[in-house]
Amino acid sequence: MDIKCVTVIGLGLIGGSIAKALNEKVGIKRIIGIDRDSKVLSEALDKGVIVQGCTDITPDIYDSDIVFVCTPVNKTLEWIQKIIPYLNSRCIVTDAGSTKSQLMDKIEQLPDKFIFVGGHPMAGSEKSGFAYSQGHLFENAYYILIPCAKSTPEAVQELGNLVRKFGSIPLELTAQLHDHVTGAISHVPHVISAALVNMVKEADTAEQFMQKLAAGGFKDITRISSSSPEMWQSICFDNQKAVIEILNRYIGILKKFVKDLQSENEQKVYDFFSSAKNFRDSLSSKVTSLIPGTYELIIDVVDRPGIIGEVATLLGKNGINIKNMNINNNREFEGGVLTISLSDVQSLEKADEILTAHGYRVNRRK
């Protein structure tokens, strides 16, 4: 297929990043953006990400070779039904939602004839909205493709070829297997992260010492709790069966740990942590996961005037853009006091090399 026109419905983090990737990496110039927020459309138009912006369905989407529906999961079917009358016979419709079983069942039951391939880019951020979208978001990330009765082998292949140009790694799964896997590696971890934050909030002292000291490791493992509560409410209900099943398994593991701790079974408590360490250390650091990664360096510096400026200037002179910089007041597990956030793994590696060469002791947050 010679892709000349693509429509993206929903220009949030994922939809905006898809539009930017189509423009920057694939070279597609005619991108139609549909979003209920006119300010988002104006920004996308001003930046040249899209060439046409609409707050609702436009007949112009008939020219589209592919339509990406990047709305909240509970709105995806509604939008698909709205666009069906405007689709040409060769157009591929795909989504970007993180739950699939319920949606695919409903799509297969639609009497209309159209081509649909489920999609889920395994990348994201704890931040949401077009302002945080980026064309390289999907680099080295798995992009799950979910065929169904509305799919054709050619459409699956075409979509796979396209996401490869994003820098993604296409992988085909069934809807049921997709929901089971993402439930374990993304949905339940978000529940656990939120539960940890709420536990600390409820257990805190009157002086709020827990909040004051909650830096380092705690902030890192609960970072995803800053994600959109509306989105995660929707995801948990859409993938309710898998989430409940995996949470019950997790609760069982915690109960067993409590029992081993109470019985002072030192070997089983050791095995608990050892098993987790070995599996965690085996995870690839080169492939982007569904839970957003961090590109952060923790630098051990002496507290003296000008030190932050020295680090910033050194990196700036070498063309490295710092997204954020902050001081850690809790060095536990960190091995440093100054944290800098970078935009991608290439910047991370370059900054690490430069700072180390200038005598700084640097640790990467893994």
Protein backbone atom coordinates (compact mmCIF):
# COMPACT_ATOMS: atom_id res chain seq x y z
CA MET A 1 0.00 0.00 0.00
CA ASP A 2 1.20 3.46 -0.90
CA ILE A 3 0.17 5.36 2.23
CA LYS A 4 -0.58 8.97 1.36
CA CYS A 5 -3.21 10.00 3.91
CA VAL A 6 -3.71 9.00 7.55
CA THR A 7 -6.31 10.12 10.07
CA VAL A 8 -5.55 10.16 13.79
CA ILE A 9 -8.53 10.43 16.14
CA GLY A 10 -7.48 11.66 19.58
CA LEU A 11 -4.30 13.74 19.70
CA GLY A 12 -3.23 12.91 23.24
CA LEU A 13 0.10 11.41 24.23
CA ILE A 14 -0.25 8.31 22.04
CA GLY A 15 -2.24 9.82 19.16
CA GLY A 16 0.01 12.88 19.07
CA SER A 17 3.12 10.68 19.08
CA ILE A 18 1.70 8.52 16.27
CA ALA A 19 1.00 11.65 14.21
CA LYS A 20 4.53 12.92 14.84
CA ALA A 21 6.08 9.53 14.01
CA LEU A 22 4.07 9.37 10.77
CA ASN A 23 5.36 12.81 9.86
CA GLU A 24 8.96 12.58 11.06
CA LYS A 25 9.83 8.92 10.49
CA VAL A 26 7.54 7.81 7.66
CA GLY A 27 7.35 11.07 5.73
CA ILE A 28 3.56 11.12 5.44
CA LYS A 29 2.54 14.72 4.92
CA ARG A 30 -1.26 14.49 4.77
CA ILE A 31 -2.32 13.75 8.33
CA ILE A 32 -5.85 14.62 9.44
CA GLY A 33 -6.26 15.14 13.17
CA ILE A 34 -9.57 14.82 15.00
CA ASP A 35 -9.83 15.95 18.61
CA ARG A 36 -12.58 17.52 20.69
CA ASP A 37 -10.09 20.09 22.04
CA SER A 38 -9.68 22.91 19.50
CA LYS A 39 -6.59 24.19 21.34
CA VAL A 40 -4.85 20.86 20.77
CA LEU A 41 -5.77 20.99 17.07
CA SER A 42 -4.38 24.52 16.81
CA GLU A 43 -1.10 23.47 18.42
CA ALA A 44 -0.78 20.43 16.14
CA LEU A 45 -1.49 22.59 13.09
CA ASP A 46 0.94 25.31 14.17
CA LYS A 47 3.70 22.73 14.62
CA GLY A 48 2.98 21.14 11.26
CA VAL A 49 2.12 17.77 12.80
CA ILE A 50 -1.22 17.68 10.96
CA VAL A 51 -2.44 19.52 7.86
CA GLN A 52 -6.14 19.44 8.76
CA GLY A 53 -7.82 19.53 12.15
CA CYS A 54 -11.45 18.84 13.03
CA THR A 55 -13.39 18.52 16.27
CA ASP A 56 -15.64 15.82 14.77
CA ILE A 57 -15.83 13.41 11.85
CA THR A 58 -15.17 14.97 8.46
CA PRO A 59 -16.00 13.42 5.05
CA ASP A 60 -12.35 14.06 4.12
CA ILE A 61 -11.31 10.93 6.05
CA TYR A 62 -12.62 8.95 3.04
CA ASP A 63 -9.18 9.51 1.48
CA SER A 64 -7.44 7.88 4.43
CA ASP A 65 -5.41 4.72 3.91
CA ILE A 66 -5.25 4.16 7.68
CA VAL A 67 -7.28 5.54 10.60
CA PHE A 68 -5.77 5.39 14.09
CA VAL A 69 -8.39 5.61 16.85
CA CYS A 70 -6.45 6.82 19.90
CA THR A 71 -9.30 7.69 22.25
CA PRO A 72 -9.90 6.36 25.77
CA VAL A 73 -10.76 2.65 25.62
CA ASN A 74 -14.39 3.20 26.61
CA LYS A 75 -14.89 5.58 23.66
CA THR A 76 -13.12 3.55 20.94
CA LEU A 77 -16.13 1.54 19.72
CA GLU A 78 -18.27 4.67 19.58
CA TRP A 79 -15.76 6.41 17.31
CA ILE A 80 -15.32 3.36 15.09
CA GLN A 81 -19.07 3.18 14.53
CA LYS A 82 -19.10 6.89 13.68
CA ILE A 83 -16.40 6.64 11.02
CA ILE A 84 -17.59 3.45 9.26
CA PRO A 85 -19.86 5.32 6.77
CA TYR A 86 -16.91 7.52 5.73
CA LEU A 87 -14.36 4.77 5.06
CA ASN A 88 -13.16 3.65 1.65
CA SER A 89 -12.92 -0.11 1.00
CA ARG A 90 -9.12 -0.31 1.31
CA CYS A 91 -8.80 1.71 4.54
CA ILE A 92 -7.33 -0.02 7.59
CA VAL A 93 -8.83 0.98 10.95
CA THR A 94 -6.76 0.35 14.07
CA ASP A 95 -6.80 1.47 17.69
CA ALA A 96 -4.16 2.02 20.36
CA GLY A 97 -5.99 0.89 23.50
CA SER A 98 -4.40 -1.16 26.27
CA THR A 99 -7.32 -3.62 26.65
CA LYS A 100 -8.60 -5.74 23.81
CA SER A 101 -10.93 -8.69 24.54
CA GLN A 102 -14.18 -6.76 25.09
CA LEU A 103 -13.49 -4.33 22.25
CA MET A 104 -12.58 -7.02 19.71
CA ASP A 105 -15.69 -9.05 20.54
CA LYS A 106 -17.90 -6.03 19.96
CA ILE A 107 -16.14 -5.06 16.72
CA GLU A 108 -16.50 -8.58 15.33
CA GLN A 109 -20.24 -8.41 15.99
CA LEU A 110 -20.70 -5.25 13.93
CA PRO A 111 -22.57 -6.08 10.69
CA ASP A 112 -20.65 -3.47 8.68
CA LYS A 113 -17.89 -4.53 6.30
CA PHE A 114 -14.60 -2.81 7.06
CA ILE A 115 -10.98 -3.71 7.82
CA PHE A 116 -9.85 -3.60 11.44
CA VAL A 117 -6.64 -4.67 13.15
CA GLY A 118 -6.27 -4.15 16.88
CA GLY A 119 -3.14 -2.29 17.94
CA HIS A 120 -1.34 -1.44 21.16
CA PRO A 121 2.02 0.37 21.23
CA MET A 122 3.85 -0.77 24.36
CA ALA A 123 5.12 2.68 25.23
CA GLY A 124 3.87 5.65 27.16
CA SER A 125 4.53 8.12 29.92
CA GLU A 126 3.12 9.04 33.29
CA LYS A 127 2.34 12.37 31.63
CA SER A 128 -0.65 12.72 29.32
CA GLY A 129 -1.68 15.07 26.54
CA PHE A 130 -0.39 16.29 23.19
CA ALA A 131 2.19 18.52 24.90
CA TYR A 132 4.11 15.41 26.00
CA SER A 133 3.87 13.55 22.67
CA GLN A 134 7.08 12.80 20.80
CA GLY A 135 7.88 11.18 17.48
CA HIS A 136 10.45 8.79 18.95
CA LEU A 137 8.14 7.47 21.69
CA PHE A 138 7.79 4.07 20.00
CA GLU A 139 11.46 3.44 19.24
CA ASN A 140 12.56 -0.03 20.43
CA ALA A 141 9.07 -0.66 21.80
CA TYR A 142 6.94 -3.69 21.04
CA TYR A 143 3.84 -2.76 19.06
CA ILE A 144 1.21 -5.44 19.61
CA LEU A 145 -1.05 -6.29 16.65
CA ILE A 146 -4.26 -8.19 17.36
CA PRO A 147 -5.94 -9.71 14.27
CA CYS A 148 -9.64 -10.52 14.33
CA ALA A 149 -12.45 -11.61 12.00
CA LYS A 150 -12.43 -8.10 10.46
CA SER A 151 -8.70 -8.32 9.65
CA THR A 152 -6.98 -9.43 6.47
CA PRO A 153 -3.44 -10.88 6.32
CA GLU A 154 -2.46 -8.00 4.03
CA ALA A 155 -3.71 -5.40 6.53
CA VAL A 156 -1.79 -6.99 9.41
CA GLN A 157 1.35 -7.08 7.29
CA GLU A 158 0.90 -3.48 6.13
CA LEU A 159 0.40 -2.20 9.68
CA GLY A 160 3.43 -4.18 10.83
CA ASN A 161 5.55 -2.63 8.09
CA LEU A 162 4.37 0.83 9.09
CA VAL A 163 5.15 0.53 12.81
CA ARG A 164 8.61 -0.81 11.95
CA LYS A 165 9.23 2.59 10.40
CA PHE A 166 8.31 4.10 13.79
CA GLY A 167 11.24 2.10 15.17
CA SER A 168 8.84 -0.36 16.83
CA ILE A 169 8.92 -4.16 16.97
CA PRO A 170 5.57 -5.61 15.77
CA LEU A 171 4.30 -8.70 17.59
CA GLU A 172 1.02 -10.56 16.98
CA LEU A 173 -1.06 -11.77 19.94
CA THR A 174 -4.64 -12.87 20.47
CA ALA A 175 -6.89 -10.45 22.35
CA GLN A 176 -7.15 -12.80 25.35
CA LEU A 177 -3.40 -13.36 25.63
CA HIS A 178 -2.77 -9.62 25.21
CA ASP A 179 -5.08 -8.76 28.12
CA HIS A 180 -3.55 -11.45 30.35
CA VAL A 181 0.00 -10.22 29.65
CA THR A 182 -0.71 -6.49 29.97
CA GLY A 183 -2.77 -7.15 33.09
CA ALA A 184 0.33 -8.61 34.74
CA ILE A 185 3.02 -6.21 33.50
CA SER A 186 1.07 -2.95 33.41
CA HIS A 187 -2.46 -2.86 34.80
CA VAL A 188 -1.85 -4.56 38.15
CA PRO A 189 1.47 -2.72 38.73
CA HIS A 190 -0.48 0.55 38.39
CA VAL A 191 -2.94 -0.70 41.03
CA ILE A 192 -0.08 -1.75 43.31
CA SER A 193 1.70 1.58 42.83
CA ALA A 194 -1.46 3.50 43.74
CA ALA A 195 -2.00 1.21 46.74
CA LEU A 196 1.55 1.91 48.01
CA VAL A 197 1.02 5.66 47.74
CA ASN A 198 -2.34 5.47 49.49
CA MET A 199 -0.85 3.24 52.21
CA VAL A 200 1.87 5.82 52.98
CA LYS A 201 -0.69 8.64 52.88
CA GLU A 202 -2.92 6.84 55.41
CA ALA A 203 -0.06 5.66 57.65
CA ASP A 204 1.76 9.00 57.76
CA THR A 205 2.44 10.76 61.04
CA ALA A 206 0.88 14.06 62.06
CA GLU A 207 4.17 15.74 61.16
CA GLN A 208 4.02 14.08 57.69
CA PHE A 209 7.48 12.59 58.04
CA MET A 210 6.69 9.88 55.48
CA GLN A 211 5.77 12.44 52.85
CA LYS A 212 8.93 14.44 53.60
CA LEU A 213 11.21 11.41 53.42
CA ALA A 214 9.46 9.65 50.51
CA ALA A 215 12.22 10.15 47.96
CA GLY A 216 14.65 7.83 46.24
CA GLY A 217 13.35 4.33 45.72
CA PHE A 218 9.80 5.07 46.87
CA LYS A 219 9.30 7.85 44.35
CA ASP A 220 10.77 5.71 41.60
CA ILE A 221 8.58 2.63 42.14
CA THR A 222 5.44 4.76 42.54
CA ARG A 223 6.13 7.16 39.64
CA ILE A 224 3.36 5.62 37.53
CA SER A 225 0.80 6.67 40.12
CA SER A 226 0.95 10.11 38.51
CA SER A 227 -0.88 8.71 35.46
CA SER A 228 -4.43 9.73 34.57
CA PRO A 229 -6.94 8.29 37.12
CA GLU A 230 -9.74 8.43 34.53
CA MET A 231 -7.72 6.30 32.12
CA TRP A 232 -6.81 3.70 34.72
CA GLN A 233 -10.35 3.47 36.04
CA SER A 234 -11.46 2.63 32.50
CA ILE A 235 -8.63 0.14 31.93
CA CYS A 236 -9.28 -1.77 35.16
CA PHE A 237 -12.96 -2.24 34.36
CA ASP A 238 -12.30 -3.17 30.73
CA ASN A 239 -9.74 -5.78 31.82
CA GLN A 240 -11.53 -6.65 35.04
CA LYS A 241 -11.19 -10.44 34.81
CA ALA A 242 -7.43 -10.46 34.28
CA VAL A 243 -6.80 -7.70 36.84
CA ILE A 244 -8.74 -9.53 39.57
CA GLU A 245 -7.08 -12.86 38.76
CA ILE A 246 -3.56 -11.40 38.88
CA LEU A 247 -4.27 -9.29 41.99
CA ASN A 248 -5.44 -12.42 43.81
CA ARG A 249 -2.20 -14.14 42.81
CA TYR A 250 -0.24 -11.13 44.11
CA ILE A 251 -2.19 -11.11 47.37
CA GLY A 252 -1.37 -14.83 47.75
CA ILE A 253 2.35 -14.09 47.35
CA LEU A 254 2.14 -11.36 50.03
CA LYS A 255 0.27 -13.65 52.43
CA LYS A 256 2.91 -16.34 51.99
CA PHE A 257 5.66 -13.77 52.64
CA VAL A 258 3.92 -12.62 55.84
CA LYS A 259 3.62 -16.24 56.96
CA ASP A 260 7.33 -16.91 56.30
CA LEU A 261 8.28 -13.72 58.14
CA GLN A 262 6.11 -14.58 61.14
CA SER A 263 7.56 -18.09 61.31
CA GLU A 264 11.08 -16.62 61.02
CA ASN A 265 11.85 -18.76 57.99
CA GLU A 266 15.02 -16.95 56.95
CA GLN A 267 15.68 -19.14 53.91
CA LYS A 268 12.27 -18.52 52.33
CA VAL A 269 12.49 -14.79 52.96
CA TYR A 270 15.93 -14.79 51.33
CA ASP A 271 14.59 -16.81 48.38
CA PHE A 272 11.75 -14.31 47.99
CA PHE A 273 14.17 -11.44 47.40
CA SER A 274 16.77 -13.53 45.53
CA SER A 275 14.24 -14.85 43.01
CA ALA A 276 12.95 -11.35 42.35
CA LYS A 277 16.47 -9.95 41.93
CA ASN A 278 17.49 -12.66 39.44
CA PHE A 279 14.37 -12.19 37.31
CA ARG A 280 14.57 -8.38 37.47
CA ASP A 281 18.25 -8.44 36.44
CA SER A 282 17.36 -10.60 33.41
CA LEU A 283 14.98 -7.99 31.97
CA SER A 284 16.21 -6.21 28.86
CA SER A 285 17.21 -2.57 29.25
CA LYS A 286 17.23 -2.05 25.48
CA VAL A 287 13.53 -2.59 24.78
CA THR A 288 10.95 0.03 25.77
CA SER A 289 8.20 -1.39 27.96
CA LEU A 290 4.57 -0.49 28.50
CA ILE A 291 5.39 1.15 31.81
CA PRO A 292 7.41 4.22 30.82
CA GLY A 293 11.10 4.04 31.50
CA THR A 294 13.27 6.74 32.98
CA TYR A 295 16.32 8.29 31.40
CA GLU A 296 17.92 9.61 34.55
CA LEU A 297 21.44 9.95 35.89
CA ILE A 298 22.15 10.31 39.60
CA ILE A 299 25.36 12.27 40.18
CA ASP A 300 27.35 12.29 43.40
CA VAL A 301 28.35 15.93 43.88
CA VAL A 302 29.65 18.04 46.74
CA ASP A 303 27.23 20.66 48.03
CA ARG A 304 28.99 23.88 47.02
CA PRO A 305 28.00 27.05 45.12
CA GLY A 306 27.92 26.67 41.35
CA ILE A 307 28.03 22.87 41.16
CA ILE A 308 24.63 22.57 39.49
CA GLY A 309 25.58 25.22 36.95
CA GLU A 310 28.83 23.39 36.20
CA VAL A 311 27.01 20.14 35.40
CA ALA A 312 24.37 21.91 33.30
CA THR A 313 26.95 23.92 31.38
CA LEU A 314 29.12 20.86 30.70
CA LEU A 315 26.21 18.94 29.23
CA GLY A 316 24.84 21.96 27.36
CA LYS A 317 28.17 22.59 25.64
CA ASN A 318 28.06 19.02 24.38
CA GLY A 319 24.58 19.39 22.90
CA ILE A 320 22.70 17.49 25.58
CA ASN A 321 19.30 18.85 26.51
CA ILE A 322 18.33 18.43 30.18
CA LYS A 323 14.60 17.89 30.66
CA ASN A 324 14.69 18.27 34.43
CA MET A 325 17.15 18.54 37.30
CA ASN A 326 16.57 18.17 41.03
CA ILE A 327 18.30 17.62 44.36
CA ASN A 328 17.64 14.44 46.33
CA ASN A 329 17.30 15.00 50.06
CA ASN A 330 17.30 11.25 50.65
CA ARG A 331 20.32 9.35 49.32
CA GLU A 332 18.98 5.92 50.28
CA PHE A 333 19.45 3.46 47.36
CA GLU A 334 20.50 6.35 45.09
CA GLY A 335 24.28 6.71 45.40
CA GLY A 336 24.13 10.39 44.55
CA VAL A 337 22.38 13.65 45.27
CA LEU A 338 21.83 15.41 41.92
CA THR A 339 19.35 13.83 39.48
CA ILE A 340 19.11 14.89 35.84
CA SER A 341 16.36 13.70 33.50
CA LEU A 342 17.06 13.30 29.79
CA SER A 343 14.86 12.75 26.75
CA ASP A 344 16.17 9.42 25.41
CA VAL A 345 18.66 6.61 25.91
CA GLN A 346 21.16 8.15 23.47
CA SER A 347 21.33 11.35 25.56
CA LEU A 348 21.62 9.23 28.70
CA GLU A 349 24.63 7.29 27.40
CA LYS A 350 26.36 10.40 26.07
CA ALA A 351 25.84 12.33 29.33
CA ASP A 352 27.11 9.38 31.36
CA GLU A 353 30.28 9.21 29.24
CA ILE A 354 30.94 12.96 29.44
CA LEU A 355 30.35 13.31 33.17
CA THR A 356 32.43 10.22 33.98
CA ALA A 357 35.29 11.54 31.83
CA HIS A 358 35.23 14.76 33.87
CA GLY A 359 35.57 12.93 37.16
CA TYR A 360 31.95 12.78 38.31
CA ARG A 361 30.68 9.57 39.91
CA VAL A 362 27.51 8.72 38.02
CA ASN A 363 24.83 6.08 38.46
CA ARG A 364 22.06 5.25 36.02
CA ARG A 365 18.58 4.72 37.37
CA LYS A 366 17.59 1.30 36.06
